[in-house]
Protein backbone atom coordinates (compact mmCIF):
# COMPACT_ATOMS: atom_id res chain seq x y z
CA UNK A 1 -12.30 -7.78 -15.53
CA UNK A 2 -14.10 -8.63 -12.17
CA UNK A 3 -14.87 -5.96 -9.71
CA UNK A 4 -12.19 -7.07 -7.20
CA UNK A 5 -9.57 -7.12 -9.94
CA UNK A 6 -10.33 -3.59 -11.02
CA UNK A 7 -10.08 -2.60 -7.25
CA UNK A 8 -6.71 -4.41 -6.89
CA UNK A 9 -5.28 -2.39 -9.83
CA UNK A 10 -6.52 0.77 -8.29
CA UNK A 11 -4.85 -0.27 -4.92
CA UNK A 12 -1.55 -0.99 -6.68
CA UNK A 13 -1.57 2.32 -8.40
CA UNK A 14 -2.35 4.37 -5.34
CA UNK A 15 -0.03 2.25 -3.13
CA UNK A 16 2.97 2.57 -5.48
CA UNK A 17 2.33 6.43 -5.82
CA UNK A 18 1.92 6.84 -2.07
CA UNK A 19 5.22 4.92 -1.29
CA UNK A 20 7.04 6.88 -3.95
CA UNK A 21 5.70 10.37 -2.78
CA UNK A 22 6.49 9.49 0.88
CA UNK A 23 9.99 8.50 0.00
CA UNK A 24 10.51 11.74 -1.89
CA UNK A 25 9.21 13.70 1.00
CA UNK A 26 11.30 11.93 3.61
CA UNK A 27 14.40 12.46 1.45
CA UNK A 28 13.68 16.07 1.05
CA UNK A 29 13.12 16.65 4.82
CA UNK A 30 16.33 14.80 5.61
CA UNK A 31 18.39 16.81 3.05
CA UNK A 32 16.84 19.99 4.41
CA UNK A 33 18.00 19.05 7.95
CA UNK A 34 14.56 18.82 9.39
CA UNK A 35 15.22 15.56 11.05
CA UNK A 36 18.14 16.81 13.16
CA UNK A 37 16.12 18.42 16.03
CA UNK A 38 14.17 17.21 18.98
CA UNK A 39 10.91 17.23 16.84
CA UNK A 40 12.11 14.82 14.30
CA UNK A 41 9.93 11.93 15.28
CA UNK A 42 6.96 14.33 15.51
CA UNK A 43 7.64 15.76 12.00
CA UNK A 44 7.99 12.15 10.69
CA UNK A 45 4.80 10.94 12.32
CA UNK A 46 2.85 14.03 10.92
CA UNK A 47 4.25 13.28 7.49
CA UNK A 48 3.28 9.59 7.61
CA UNK A 49 -0.14 10.33 9.11
CA UNK A 50 -0.91 12.74 6.34
CA UNK A 51 0.32 10.32 3.73
CA UNK A 52 -1.90 7.55 5.18
CA UNK A 53 -5.06 9.80 5.21
CA UNK A 54 -4.38 11.00 1.66
CA UNK A 55 -3.60 7.46 0.49
CA UNK A 56 -7.03 6.19 1.88
CA UNK A 57 -8.86 9.01 0.21
CA UNK A 58 -6.99 8.52 -3.00
CA UNK A 59 -7.64 4.71 -2.85
CA UNK A 60 -11.45 5.43 -2.40
CA UNK A 61 -11.34 7.93 -5.31
CA UNK A 62 -9.33 5.65 -7.58
CA UNK A 63 -11.66 2.65 -6.98
CA UNK A 64 -14.76 4.72 -7.70
CA UNK A 65 -13.16 6.30 -10.75
CA UNK A 66 -12.00 2.96 -12.11
CA UNK A 67 -15.42 1.32 -11.67
CA UNK A 68 -17.16 4.39 -13.39
CA UNK A 69 -14.73 4.32 -16.26
CA UNK A 70 -15.10 0.49 -16.64
CA UNK A 71 -18.89 0.85 -16.78
CA UNK A 72 -18.67 3.60 -19.37
CA UNK A 73 -16.12 1.71 -21.51
CA UNK A 74 -18.12 -1.46 -21.43
CA UNK A 75 -21.55 0.15 -21.56
CA UNK A 76 -22.61 -1.60 -18.31
CA UNK A 77 -25.37 0.49 -16.78
CA UNK A 78 -25.24 -1.64 -13.60
CA UNK A 79 -21.89 -3.12 -12.78
CA UNK A 80 -21.75 -6.41 -10.89
CA UNK A 81 -20.31 -6.12 -7.29
CA UNK A 82 -20.65 -9.81 -6.58
CA UNK A 83 -17.76 -11.48 -4.78
CA UNK A 84 -17.71 -15.30 -4.77
CA UNK A 85 -15.77 -18.12 -3.08
CA UNK A 86 -12.79 -17.60 -5.53
CA UNK A 87 -12.58 -13.82 -4.49
CA UNK A 88 -12.54 -14.93 -0.90
CA UNK A 89 -9.76 -17.46 -1.58
CA UNK A 90 -7.72 -14.92 -3.45
CA UNK A 91 -8.08 -12.42 -0.52
CA UNK A 92 -6.89 -15.02 1.89
CA UNK A 93 -3.90 -16.09 -0.21
CA UNK A 94 -2.92 -12.36 -0.70
CA UNK A 95 -3.24 -11.61 2.94
CA UNK A 96 -0.72 -14.36 3.62
CA UNK A 97 1.75 -12.79 1.19
CA UNK A 98 1.00 -9.37 2.90
CA UNK A 99 1.70 -10.68 6.40
CA UNK A 100 4.88 -12.58 5.36
CA UNK A 101 6.40 -9.63 3.61
CA UNK A 102 5.36 -7.15 6.37
CA UNK A 103 6.68 -9.62 9.08
CA UNK A 104 10.08 -9.92 7.37
CA UNK A 105 10.23 -6.06 7.07
CA UNK A 106 9.40 -5.78 10.78
CA UNK A 107 12.21 -8.24 11.68
CA UNK A 108 14.57 -6.11 9.40
CA UNK A 109 13.45 -3.01 11.39
CA UNK A 110 14.32 -4.66 14.65
CA UNK A 111 17.68 -5.65 13.33
CA UNK A 112 18.21 -2.06 12.19
CA UNK A 113 17.34 -0.65 15.70
CA UNK A 114 19.43 -3.41 17.38
CA UNK A 115 22.48 -2.29 15.39
CA UNK A 116 22.27 1.17 16.64
CA UNK A 117 20.43 2.98 13.89
CA UNK A 118 18.03 5.88 14.72
CA UNK A 119 14.47 5.37 15.78
CA UNK A 120 13.52 7.51 12.80
CA UNK A 121 15.18 5.17 10.39
CA UNK A 122 13.66 2.16 12.16
CA UNK A 123 10.23 3.64 11.89
CA UNK A 124 10.76 4.30 8.17
CA UNK A 125 11.75 0.65 7.62
CA UNK A 126 8.55 -0.35 9.44
CA UNK A 127 6.34 1.92 7.41
CA UNK A 128 7.91 0.70 4.21
CA UNK A 129 7.64 -2.98 5.41
CA UNK A 130 3.93 -2.67 5.71
CA UNK A 131 3.61 -0.66 2.64
CA UNK A 132 5.61 -3.09 0.47
CA UNK A 133 3.69 -6.08 2.25
CA UNK A 134 0.44 -4.53 1.04
CA UNK A 135 1.76 -3.88 -2.32
CA UNK A 136 3.06 -7.39 -2.77
CA UNK A 137 -0.16 -8.91 -1.49
CA UNK A 138 -2.13 -6.91 -3.93
CA UNK A 139 0.32 -7.80 -6.74
CA UNK A 140 -0.07 -11.46 -5.82
CA UNK A 141 -3.90 -11.10 -5.84
CA UNK A 142 -3.80 -9.54 -9.42
CA UNK A 143 -1.59 -12.45 -10.45
CA UNK A 144 -4.11 -14.81 -9.23
CA UNK A 145 -6.99 -13.11 -10.96
CA UNK A 146 -4.97 -13.02 -14.30
CA UNK A 147 -4.06 -16.59 -13.92
CA UNK A 148 -7.72 -17.39 -13.12
CA UNK A 149 -6.75 -20.13 -10.69
CA UNK A 150 -8.30 -20.82 -7.41
């Protein structure tokens, strides 16, 4: 399994976990009535900011851990971190998927806001649009690696 493929698996794991945990937290805060006051957007932004920072740290940790475990399992004292033209092509194609999905989600958020939904709901749709877009792009990249096509 190439270095970039291992990283993609780590990104998918952390991204899925982060989206799930953020969803649970937002539902909990909503059910607890915490989004009913004047500080609702501030609380939402703090929650998302913490999730983003923790997600970045978790991604770094998962990437390092997956590469260490791969090296131990395959007895590779010095893993290869080489990226080639195929990796760059996979990255470009995956970025397109990410952009398309995130863009569609952004348009959905605009429609949600245009129909009179709250800004809080609109921001949540935007957050998930970009999160799902990133997840879809990484999933597509993993599919490309598994298919081995360029």
